[in-house]
Amino acid sequence: MAAPHIFIDHPRAVGESYTQHAGFALRFAGQLAMAAGAAAVHAVCPALFDHSASARVKRLHAQLCDDPARGEAYLSRVA
């Protein structure tokens, strides 16, 4: 029995297997969590992590959009 399309269509669209995509997405989520933590600390004490969250988000955005297949898939959803 083949895997349901909900698990394979999007990973294929960005040139990955389900497992590769899951790994990328989990690493991406971890980086977002770190950015959120830095932003939360910055909210309490503005002298700390004054550029950490925004710099991490910019790097993640570049990582997402610099890959041609991933960038097209992403931009087609947010446009």
C-alpha atoms as a PDB file:
ATOM      1  CA  MET A   1       0.000   0.000   0.000  1.00  0.00           C
ATOM      2  CA  ALA A   2       1.413   3.402  -0.998  1.00  0.00           C
ATOM      3  CA  ALA A   3       1.822   6.220   1.488  1.00  0.00           C
ATOM      4  CA  PRO A   4      -1.008   8.748   1.488  1.00  0.00           C
ATOM      5  CA  HIS A   5      -0.348  11.783  -0.660  1.00  0.00           C
ATOM      6  CA  ILE A   6      -0.431  14.097   2.355  1.00  0.00           C
ATOM      7  CA  PHE A   7       2.894  12.614   3.444  1.00  0.00           C
ATOM      8  CA  ILE A   8       4.714  12.623   0.116  1.00  0.00           C
ATOM      9  CA  ASP A   9       3.447  15.342  -2.224  1.00  0.00           C
ATOM     10  CA  HIS A  10       5.089  18.321  -0.547  1.00  0.00           C
ATOM     11  CA  PRO A  11       8.439  16.622   0.171  1.00  0.00           C
ATOM     12  CA  ARG A  12       8.592  15.566  -3.484  1.00  0.00           C
ATOM     13  CA  ALA A  13       7.842  19.140  -4.566  1.00  0.00           C
ATOM     14  CA  VAL A  14      11.023  20.283  -2.812  1.00  0.00           C
ATOM     15  CA  GLY A  15      13.085  17.323  -4.001  1.00  0.00           C
ATOM     16  CA  GLU A  16      13.184  15.337  -0.760  1.00  0.00           C
ATOM     17  CA  SER A  17      11.979  12.078   0.666  1.00  0.00           C
ATOM     18  CA  TYR A  18       9.573  12.123   3.609  1.00  0.00           C
ATOM     19  CA  THR A  19      12.446  11.384   6.022  1.00  0.00           C
ATOM     20  CA  GLN A  20      14.706  14.087   4.576  1.00  0.00           C
ATOM     21  CA  HIS A  21      11.896  16.613   4.757  1.00  0.00           C
ATOM     22  CA  ALA A  22      11.025  15.651   8.320  1.00  0.00           C
ATOM     23  CA  GLY A  23      14.654  16.133   9.345  1.00  0.00           C
ATOM     24  CA  PHE A  24      14.845  19.545   7.673  1.00  0.00           C
ATOM     25  CA  ALA A  25      11.548  20.644   9.214  1.00  0.00           C
ATOM     26  CA  LEU A  26      12.555  19.500  12.707  1.00  0.00           C
ATOM     27  CA  ARG A  27      15.921  21.281  12.491  1.00  0.00           C
ATOM     28  CA  PHE A  28      14.128  24.380  11.219  1.00  0.00           C
ATOM     29  CA  ALA A  29      11.658  24.176  14.128  1.00  0.00           C
ATOM     30  CA  GLY A  30      14.548  23.904  16.587  1.00  0.00           C
ATOM     31  CA  GLN A  31      16.130  27.039  15.139  1.00  0.00           C
ATOM     32  CA  LEU A  32      12.802  28.874  15.396  1.00  0.00           C
ATOM     33  CA  ALA A  33      12.479  27.759  19.025  1.00  0.00           C
ATOM     34  CA  MET A  34      15.935  29.150  19.750  1.00  0.00           C
ATOM     35  CA  ALA A  35      14.974  32.447  18.102  1.00  0.00           C
ATOM     36  CA  ALA A  36      11.789  32.551  20.180  1.00  0.00           C
ATOM     37  CA  GLY A  37      13.777  31.944  23.357  1.00  0.00           C
ATOM     38  CA  ALA A  38      16.203  34.743  22.515  1.00  0.00           C
ATOM     39  CA  ALA A  39      13.276  37.071  21.775  1.00  0.00           C
ATOM     40  CA  ALA A  40      11.615  36.181  25.099  1.00  0.00           C
ATOM     41  CA  VAL A  41      14.813  36.921  27.042  1.00  0.00           C
ATOM     42  CA  HIS A  42      15.234  40.144  25.059  1.00  0.00           C
ATOM     43  CA  ALA A  43      11.684  41.187  25.993  1.00  0.00           C
ATOM     44  CA  VAL A  44      12.569  40.974  29.676  1.00  0.00           C
ATOM     45  CA  CYS A  45      16.093  42.360  29.410  1.00  0.00           C
ATOM     46  CA  PRO A  46      16.576  44.402  26.213  1.00  0.00           C
ATOM     47  CA  ALA A  47      20.350  44.507  26.647  1.00  0.00           C
ATOM     48  CA  LEU A  48      20.531  40.746  26.022  1.00  0.00           C
ATOM     49  CA  PHE A  49      20.153  39.100  22.615  1.00  0.00           C
ATOM     50  CA  ASP A  50      19.514  42.465  20.938  1.00  0.00           C
ATOM     51  CA  HIS A  51      19.978  41.042  17.418  1.00  0.00           C
ATOM     52  CA  SER A  52      19.989  37.275  17.960  1.00  0.00           C
ATOM     53  CA  ALA A  53      16.379  36.463  17.115  1.00  0.00           C
ATOM     54  CA  SER A  54      16.183  38.660  14.022  1.00  0.00           C
ATOM     55  CA  ALA A  55      19.549  37.443  12.725  1.00  0.00           C
ATOM     56  CA  ARG A  56      18.502  33.799  13.137  1.00  0.00           C
ATOM     57  CA  VAL A  57      15.169  34.413  11.386  1.00  0.00           C
ATOM     58  CA  LYS A  58      16.976  36.151   8.503  1.00  0.00           C
ATOM     59  CA  ARG A  59      19.344  33.162   8.152  1.00  0.00           C
ATOM     60  CA  LEU A  60      16.401  30.751   8.179  1.00  0.00           C
ATOM     61  CA  HIS A  61      14.569  32.802   5.568  1.00  0.00           C
ATOM     62  CA  ALA A  62      17.655  32.806   3.346  1.00  0.00           C
ATOM     63  CA  GLN A  63      18.069  29.052   3.830  1.00  0.00           C
ATOM     64  CA  LEU A  64      14.448  28.502   2.845  1.00  0.00           C
ATOM     65  CA  CYS A  65      14.515  30.750  -0.218  1.00  0.00           C
ATOM     66  CA  ASP A  66      18.047  30.088  -1.527  1.00  0.00           C
ATOM     67  CA  ASP A  67      17.207  26.492  -2.477  1.00  0.00           C
ATOM     68  CA  PRO A  68      15.440  26.816  -5.863  1.00  0.00           C
ATOM     69  CA  ALA A  69      12.935  23.978  -5.333  1.00  0.00           C
ATOM     70  CA  ARG A  70      12.223  24.882  -1.726  1.00  0.00           C
ATOM     71  CA  GLY A  71      12.046  28.606  -2.510  1.00  0.00           C
ATOM     72  CA  GLU A  72       9.527  28.132  -5.311  1.00  0.00           C
ATOM     73  CA  ALA A  73       7.381  25.858  -3.136  1.00  0.00           C
ATOM     74  CA  TYR A  74       7.526  28.390  -0.280  1.00  0.00           C
ATOM     75  CA  LEU A  75       6.893  31.472  -2.397  1.00  0.00           C
ATOM     76  CA  SER A  76       3.962  29.869  -4.211  1.00  0.00           C
ATOM     77  CA  ARG A  77       2.247  29.370  -0.848  1.00  0.00           C
ATOM     78  CA  VAL A  78       2.827  32.863   0.575  1.00  0.00           C
ATOM     79  CA  ALA A  79       2.167  34.845  -2.606  1.00  0.00           C
END
